[in-house]
Amino acid sequence: MSKAERQKELKKKLSNDPFFTDEELTNIFNVSIQTIRLDRLELGIPELRERVKNVAEKNHSKVRSLGGKEIVGELIDLELGKSGISILETTEDMAFEKTNVIRGHHIFAQAESIAMAVIDAEVALTGVANIKYQTPIKSGNKLIAKAEVVRQRGNKYFVHVFIYESQKQVFRGKFILVSMDKE
């Protein structure tokens, strides 16, 4: 594949899915990581962290029930009243010192905030949360939370949230959120 063809394909791949890492792109195009980085630089495509930040900023403005700083993780996709996705990069300060395992309240906070973000309400509270931690998460791992509104009955929203690490489900939560909006 010529350089021009590769760059054209690279641009197309990243416009369809801006969350490819440089490492994943090296495997797709069978070139060195330096080649991918040079191609991105020539095309004016920012690194992954900047691409995620750009997508998150576009989605934050859609959220009605939370302030921008109240969402735990980067909000990368949001369809109010239907679904949403967030990414949380875990760090050492989120983990227990002795085991390096992420404290549960960080994972729950990501799940609850994406559940709140997807509902189409001005003000909402968590009424019920049925949660299950399935696998311990070590610091440095990336958590991807996917939320879906499965039902709405009156002012109650039933939201399922699944959190994945490396495409393996590590957490699931079923939330009943209560809208406090005046009817």
C-alpha atoms as a PDB file:
ATOM      1  CA  MET A   1       0.000   0.000   0.000  1.00  0.00           C
ATOM      2  CA  SER A   2       1.423   3.372  -0.956  1.00  0.00           C
ATOM      3  CA  LYS A   3       1.815   6.174   1.571  1.00  0.00           C
ATOM      4  CA  ALA A   4      -1.026   8.162  -0.036  1.00  0.00           C
ATOM      5  CA  GLU A   5      -3.373   5.149   0.056  1.00  0.00           C
ATOM      6  CA  ARG A   6      -2.421   4.350   3.656  1.00  0.00           C
ATOM      7  CA  GLN A   7      -3.030   7.934   4.762  1.00  0.00           C
ATOM      8  CA  LYS A   8      -6.377   7.998   2.961  1.00  0.00           C
ATOM      9  CA  GLU A   9      -7.398   4.754   4.708  1.00  0.00           C
ATOM     10  CA  LEU A  10      -6.063   6.018   8.059  1.00  0.00           C
ATOM     11  CA  LYS A  11      -8.146   9.175   7.783  1.00  0.00           C
ATOM     12  CA  LYS A  12     -11.214   7.115   6.866  1.00  0.00           C
ATOM     13  CA  LYS A  13     -10.695   4.656   9.767  1.00  0.00           C
ATOM     14  CA  LEU A  14     -10.286   7.438  12.336  1.00  0.00           C
ATOM     15  CA  SER A  15     -13.279   9.402  11.061  1.00  0.00           C
ATOM     16  CA  ASN A  16     -15.434   6.263  11.500  1.00  0.00           C
ATOM     17  CA  ASP A  17     -13.906   5.363  14.879  1.00  0.00           C
ATOM     18  CA  PRO A  18     -11.725   8.018  16.553  1.00  0.00           C
ATOM     19  CA  PHE A  19     -10.841   5.648  19.422  1.00  0.00           C
ATOM     20  CA  PHE A  20      -8.275   3.486  17.638  1.00  0.00           C
ATOM     21  CA  THR A  21      -4.931   3.537  19.437  1.00  0.00           C
ATOM     22  CA  ASP A  22      -1.702   3.981  17.499  1.00  0.00           C
ATOM     23  CA  GLU A  23      -0.825   0.388  18.454  1.00  0.00           C
ATOM     24  CA  GLU A  24      -4.087  -0.935  16.959  1.00  0.00           C
ATOM     25  CA  LEU A  25      -3.436   1.096  13.805  1.00  0.00           C
ATOM     26  CA  THR A  26       0.067  -0.389  13.437  1.00  0.00           C
ATOM     27  CA  ASN A  27      -1.511  -3.860  13.394  1.00  0.00           C
ATOM     28  CA  ILE A  28      -4.195  -2.830  10.893  1.00  0.00           C
ATOM     29  CA  PHE A  29      -1.754  -1.217   8.457  1.00  0.00           C
ATOM     30  CA  ASN A  30       1.233  -3.465   9.244  1.00  0.00           C
ATOM     31  CA  VAL A  31       3.625  -0.538   9.704  1.00  0.00           C
ATOM     32  CA  SER A  32       5.697   0.815  12.593  1.00  0.00           C
ATOM     33  CA  ILE A  33       4.213   3.023  15.281  1.00  0.00           C
ATOM     34  CA  GLN A  34       6.481   5.858  14.103  1.00  0.00           C
ATOM     35  CA  THR A  35       4.921   5.611  10.628  1.00  0.00           C
ATOM     36  CA  ILE A  36       1.418   5.898  12.094  1.00  0.00           C
ATOM     37  CA  ARG A  37       2.452   8.890  14.201  1.00  0.00           C
ATOM     38  CA  LEU A  38       4.076  10.623  11.219  1.00  0.00           C
ATOM     39  CA  ASP A  39       0.989   9.956   9.082  1.00  0.00           C
ATOM     40  CA  ARG A  40      -1.290  11.424  11.788  1.00  0.00           C
ATOM     41  CA  LEU A  41       0.995  14.440  12.106  1.00  0.00           C
ATOM     42  CA  GLU A  42       0.982  15.057   8.333  1.00  0.00           C
ATOM     43  CA  LEU A  43      -2.817  14.705   8.220  1.00  0.00           C
ATOM     44  CA  GLY A  44      -3.321  16.977  11.247  1.00  0.00           C
ATOM     45  CA  ILE A  45      -5.013  14.195  13.240  1.00  0.00           C
ATOM     46  CA  PRO A  46      -4.445  14.588  17.007  1.00  0.00           C
ATOM     47  CA  GLU A  47      -3.354  11.772  19.318  1.00  0.00           C
ATOM     48  CA  LEU A  48      -5.970   9.491  20.912  1.00  0.00           C
ATOM     49  CA  ARG A  49      -6.337  11.465  24.156  1.00  0.00           C
ATOM     50  CA  GLU A  50      -7.095  14.666  22.230  1.00  0.00           C
ATOM     51  CA  ARG A  51      -9.550  12.873  19.905  1.00  0.00           C
ATOM     52  CA  VAL A  52     -11.418  11.434  22.928  1.00  0.00           C
ATOM     53  CA  LYS A  53     -11.489  14.877  24.565  1.00  0.00           C
ATOM     54  CA  ASN A  54     -12.938  16.465  21.395  1.00  0.00           C
ATOM     55  CA  VAL A  55     -15.729  13.869  21.171  1.00  0.00           C
ATOM     56  CA  ALA A  56     -16.468  14.209  24.905  1.00  0.00           C
ATOM     57  CA  GLU A  57     -16.793  18.004  24.687  1.00  0.00           C
ATOM     58  CA  LYS A  58     -19.414  17.663  21.928  1.00  0.00           C
ATOM     59  CA  ASN A  59     -21.490  15.249  24.038  1.00  0.00           C
ATOM     60  CA  HIS A  60     -21.299  17.121  27.376  1.00  0.00           C
ATOM     61  CA  SER A  61     -23.575  19.855  26.061  1.00  0.00           C
ATOM     62  CA  LYS A  62     -26.389  17.329  25.496  1.00  0.00           C
ATOM     63  CA  VAL A  63     -26.566  16.192  29.148  1.00  0.00           C
ATOM     64  CA  ARG A  64     -29.482  17.690  31.076  1.00  0.00           C
ATOM     65  CA  SER A  65     -29.404  15.972  34.485  1.00  0.00           C
ATOM     66  CA  LEU A  66     -25.739  16.542  35.452  1.00  0.00           C
ATOM     67  CA  GLY A  67     -23.174  19.301  35.257  1.00  0.00           C
ATOM     68  CA  GLY A  68     -20.183  18.666  32.989  1.00  0.00           C
ATOM     69  CA  LYS A  69     -17.788  18.070  35.888  1.00  0.00           C
ATOM     70  CA  GLU A  70     -20.178  15.612  37.572  1.00  0.00           C
ATOM     71  CA  ILE A  71     -19.773  12.962  34.890  1.00  0.00           C
ATOM     72  CA  VAL A  72     -17.183  10.375  35.898  1.00  0.00           C
ATOM     73  CA  GLY A  73     -15.103   9.481  32.846  1.00  0.00           C
ATOM     74  CA  GLU A  74     -15.160  10.943  29.345  1.00  0.00           C
ATOM     75  CA  LEU A  75     -18.608  10.969  27.742  1.00  0.00           C
ATOM     76  CA  ILE A  76     -17.978   9.799  24.178  1.00  0.00           C
ATOM     77  CA  ASP A  77     -21.474   9.051  22.915  1.00  0.00           C
ATOM     78  CA  LEU A  78     -24.903  10.176  24.055  1.00  0.00           C
ATOM     79  CA  GLU A  79     -28.396   9.778  22.674  1.00  0.00           C
ATOM     80  CA  LEU A  80     -30.720  11.297  25.286  1.00  0.00           C
ATOM     81  CA  GLY A  81     -33.459   8.941  26.397  1.00  0.00           C
ATOM     82  CA  LYS A  82     -31.740   5.972  24.714  1.00  0.00           C
ATOM     83  CA  SER A  83     -28.060   5.220  25.281  1.00  0.00           C
ATOM     84  CA  GLY A  84     -24.586   6.495  26.103  1.00  0.00           C
ATOM     85  CA  ILE A  85     -20.945   5.478  26.390  1.00  0.00           C
ATOM     86  CA  SER A  86     -18.191   6.757  28.667  1.00  0.00           C
ATOM     87  CA  ILE A  87     -14.523   5.902  29.119  1.00  0.00           C
ATOM     88  CA  LEU A  88     -12.673   6.029  32.433  1.00  0.00           C
ATOM     89  CA  GLU A  89      -8.880   5.810  32.519  1.00  0.00           C
ATOM     90  CA  THR A  90      -8.089   4.340  35.946  1.00  0.00           C
ATOM     91  CA  THR A  91      -5.128   5.658  37.930  1.00  0.00           C
ATOM     92  CA  GLU A  92      -3.130   4.589  40.984  1.00  0.00           C
ATOM     93  CA  ASP A  93      -4.892   7.136  43.206  1.00  0.00           C
ATOM     94  CA  MET A  94      -8.207   5.297  42.519  1.00  0.00           C
ATOM     95  CA  ALA A  95      -6.768   2.000  43.798  1.00  0.00           C
ATOM     96  CA  PHE A  96      -6.038   0.424  47.139  1.00  0.00           C
ATOM     97  CA  GLU A  97      -2.311   0.794  47.867  1.00  0.00           C
ATOM     98  CA  LYS A  98      -1.801  -2.808  48.947  1.00  0.00           C
ATOM     99  CA  THR A  99      -3.501  -4.551  45.993  1.00  0.00           C
ATOM    100  CA  ASN A 100      -3.574  -1.884  43.238  1.00  0.00           C
ATOM    101  CA  VAL A 101      -7.265  -2.824  42.708  1.00  0.00           C
ATOM    102  CA  ILE A 102      -9.606   0.046  41.822  1.00  0.00           C
ATOM    103  CA  ARG A 103     -11.978   0.963  44.654  1.00  0.00           C
ATOM    104  CA  GLY A 104     -15.579   0.048  43.894  1.00  0.00           C
ATOM    105  CA  HIS A 105     -16.951   3.542  44.412  1.00  0.00           C
ATOM    106  CA  HIS A 106     -15.033   4.792  41.342  1.00  0.00           C
ATOM    107  CA  ILE A 107     -16.587   2.093  39.158  1.00  0.00           C
ATOM    108  CA  PHE A 108     -20.037   2.717  40.642  1.00  0.00           C
ATOM    109  CA  ALA A 109     -19.628   6.469  40.099  1.00  0.00           C
ATOM    110  CA  GLN A 110     -18.892   5.917  36.411  1.00  0.00           C
ATOM    111  CA  ALA A 111     -21.951   3.652  36.081  1.00  0.00           C
ATOM    112  CA  GLU A 112     -24.294   5.969  37.994  1.00  0.00           C
ATOM    113  CA  SER A 113     -23.161   9.098  36.152  1.00  0.00           C
ATOM    114  CA  ILE A 114     -23.617   7.551  32.675  1.00  0.00           C
ATOM    115  CA  ALA A 115     -27.043   6.253  33.785  1.00  0.00           C
ATOM    116  CA  MET A 116     -27.991   9.783  34.905  1.00  0.00           C
ATOM    117  CA  ALA A 117     -26.580  11.331  31.727  1.00  0.00           C
ATOM    118  CA  VAL A 118     -28.675   9.198  29.341  1.00  0.00           C
ATOM    119  CA  ILE A 119     -32.068   9.996  30.803  1.00  0.00           C
ATOM    120  CA  ASP A 120     -33.921  12.941  29.360  1.00  0.00           C
ATOM    121  CA  ALA A 121     -34.595  14.817  32.605  1.00  0.00           C
ATOM    122  CA  GLU A 122     -33.515  18.119  34.145  1.00  0.00           C
ATOM    123  CA  VAL A 123     -33.220  16.754  37.707  1.00  0.00           C
ATOM    124  CA  ALA A 124     -32.970  13.074  38.678  1.00  0.00           C
ATOM    125  CA  LEU A 125     -32.051  10.895  41.640  1.00  0.00           C
ATOM    126  CA  THR A 126     -31.070   7.248  41.897  1.00  0.00           C
ATOM    127  CA  GLY A 127     -34.029   5.390  43.410  1.00  0.00           C
ATOM    128  CA  VAL A 128     -32.681   1.832  43.183  1.00  0.00           C
ATOM    129  CA  ALA A 129     -29.352   0.372  42.112  1.00  0.00           C
ATOM    130  CA  ASN A 130     -28.826  -3.363  41.697  1.00  0.00           C
ATOM    131  CA  ILE A 131     -25.129  -3.816  40.958  1.00  0.00           C
ATOM    132  CA  LYS A 132     -22.616  -6.600  40.546  1.00  0.00           C
ATOM    133  CA  TYR A 133     -18.830  -6.313  40.405  1.00  0.00           C
ATOM    134  CA  GLN A 134     -17.617  -9.268  38.353  1.00  0.00           C
ATOM    135  CA  THR A 135     -13.832  -8.845  38.145  1.00  0.00           C
ATOM    136  CA  PRO A 136     -11.317  -6.777  40.099  1.00  0.00           C
ATOM    137  CA  ILE A 137      -9.762  -3.983  37.995  1.00  0.00           C
ATOM    138  CA  LYS A 138      -6.132  -2.961  38.377  1.00  0.00           C
ATOM    139  CA  SER A 139      -5.074   0.666  38.018  1.00  0.00           C
ATOM    140  CA  GLY A 140      -4.002   1.764  34.559  1.00  0.00           C
ATOM    141  CA  ASN A 141      -6.837  -0.078  32.818  1.00  0.00           C
ATOM    142  CA  LYS A 142      -9.448   1.640  30.673  1.00  0.00           C
ATOM    143  CA  LEU A 143     -13.118   1.087  31.580  1.00  0.00           C
ATOM    144  CA  ILE A 144     -15.817   1.504  28.939  1.00  0.00           C
ATOM    145  CA  ALA A 145     -19.344   1.980  30.296  1.00  0.00           C
ATOM    146  CA  LYS A 146     -22.372   1.464  28.068  1.00  0.00           C
ATOM    147  CA  ALA A 147     -25.776   2.588  29.308  1.00  0.00           C
ATOM    148  CA  GLU A 148     -29.192   1.932  27.814  1.00  0.00           C
ATOM    149  CA  VAL A 149     -32.624   3.184  28.853  1.00  0.00           C
ATOM    150  CA  VAL A 150     -34.687  -0.013  28.728  1.00  0.00           C
ATOM    151  CA  ARG A 151     -38.012   1.390  29.924  1.00  0.00           C
ATOM    152  CA  GLN A 152     -39.713   4.508  31.173  1.00  0.00           C
ATOM    153  CA  ARG A 153     -42.799   4.442  33.357  1.00  0.00           C
ATOM    154  CA  GLY A 154     -44.086   7.833  34.433  1.00  0.00           C
ATOM    155  CA  ASN A 155     -41.192   9.667  36.051  1.00  0.00           C
ATOM    156  CA  LYS A 156     -39.121   6.480  36.486  1.00  0.00           C
ATOM    157  CA  TYR A 157     -36.362   5.486  34.082  1.00  0.00           C
ATOM    158  CA  PHE A 158     -34.987   1.932  34.044  1.00  0.00           C
ATOM    159  CA  VAL A 159     -31.370   2.010  32.889  1.00  0.00           C
ATOM    160  CA  HIS A 160     -28.929  -0.879  32.410  1.00  0.00           C
ATOM    161  CA  VAL A 161     -25.207  -0.138  32.560  1.00  0.00           C
ATOM    162  CA  PHE A 162     -22.465  -2.571  31.605  1.00  0.00           C
ATOM    163  CA  ILE A 163     -18.780  -1.766  32.117  1.00  0.00           C
ATOM    164  CA  TYR A 164     -16.081  -3.497  30.108  1.00  0.00           C
ATOM    165  CA  GLU A 165     -12.315  -3.715  30.338  1.00  0.00           C
ATOM    166  CA  SER A 166     -10.618  -5.095  27.212  1.00  0.00           C
ATOM    167  CA  GLN A 167     -14.039  -6.211  25.898  1.00  0.00           C
ATOM    168  CA  LYS A 168     -14.667  -8.316  29.030  1.00  0.00           C
ATOM    169  CA  GLN A 169     -17.645  -7.374  31.194  1.00  0.00           C
ATOM    170  CA  VAL A 170     -16.430  -6.408  34.680  1.00  0.00           C
ATOM    171  CA  PHE A 171     -19.532  -4.703  36.141  1.00  0.00           C
ATOM    172  CA  ARG A 172     -23.255  -4.583  35.567  1.00  0.00           C
ATOM    173  CA  GLY A 173     -25.832  -2.289  37.081  1.00  0.00           C
ATOM    174  CA  LYS A 174     -29.578  -1.965  36.834  1.00  0.00           C
ATOM    175  CA  PHE A 175     -30.733   1.478  37.924  1.00  0.00           C
ATOM    176  CA  ILE A 176     -34.143   2.984  38.531  1.00  0.00           C
ATOM    177  CA  LEU A 177     -33.753   6.743  38.257  1.00  0.00           C
ATOM    178  CA  VAL A 178     -36.517   9.073  39.352  1.00  0.00           C
ATOM    179  CA  SER A 179     -37.045  12.332  37.465  1.00  0.00           C
ATOM    180  CA  MET A 180     -37.820  15.248  39.747  1.00  0.00           C
ATOM    181  CA  ASP A 181     -38.976  17.443  36.828  1.00  0.00           C
ATOM    182  CA  LYS A 182     -42.325  19.120  37.280  1.00  0.00           C
ATOM    183  CA  GLU A 183     -44.863  17.486  34.986  1.00  0.00           C
END
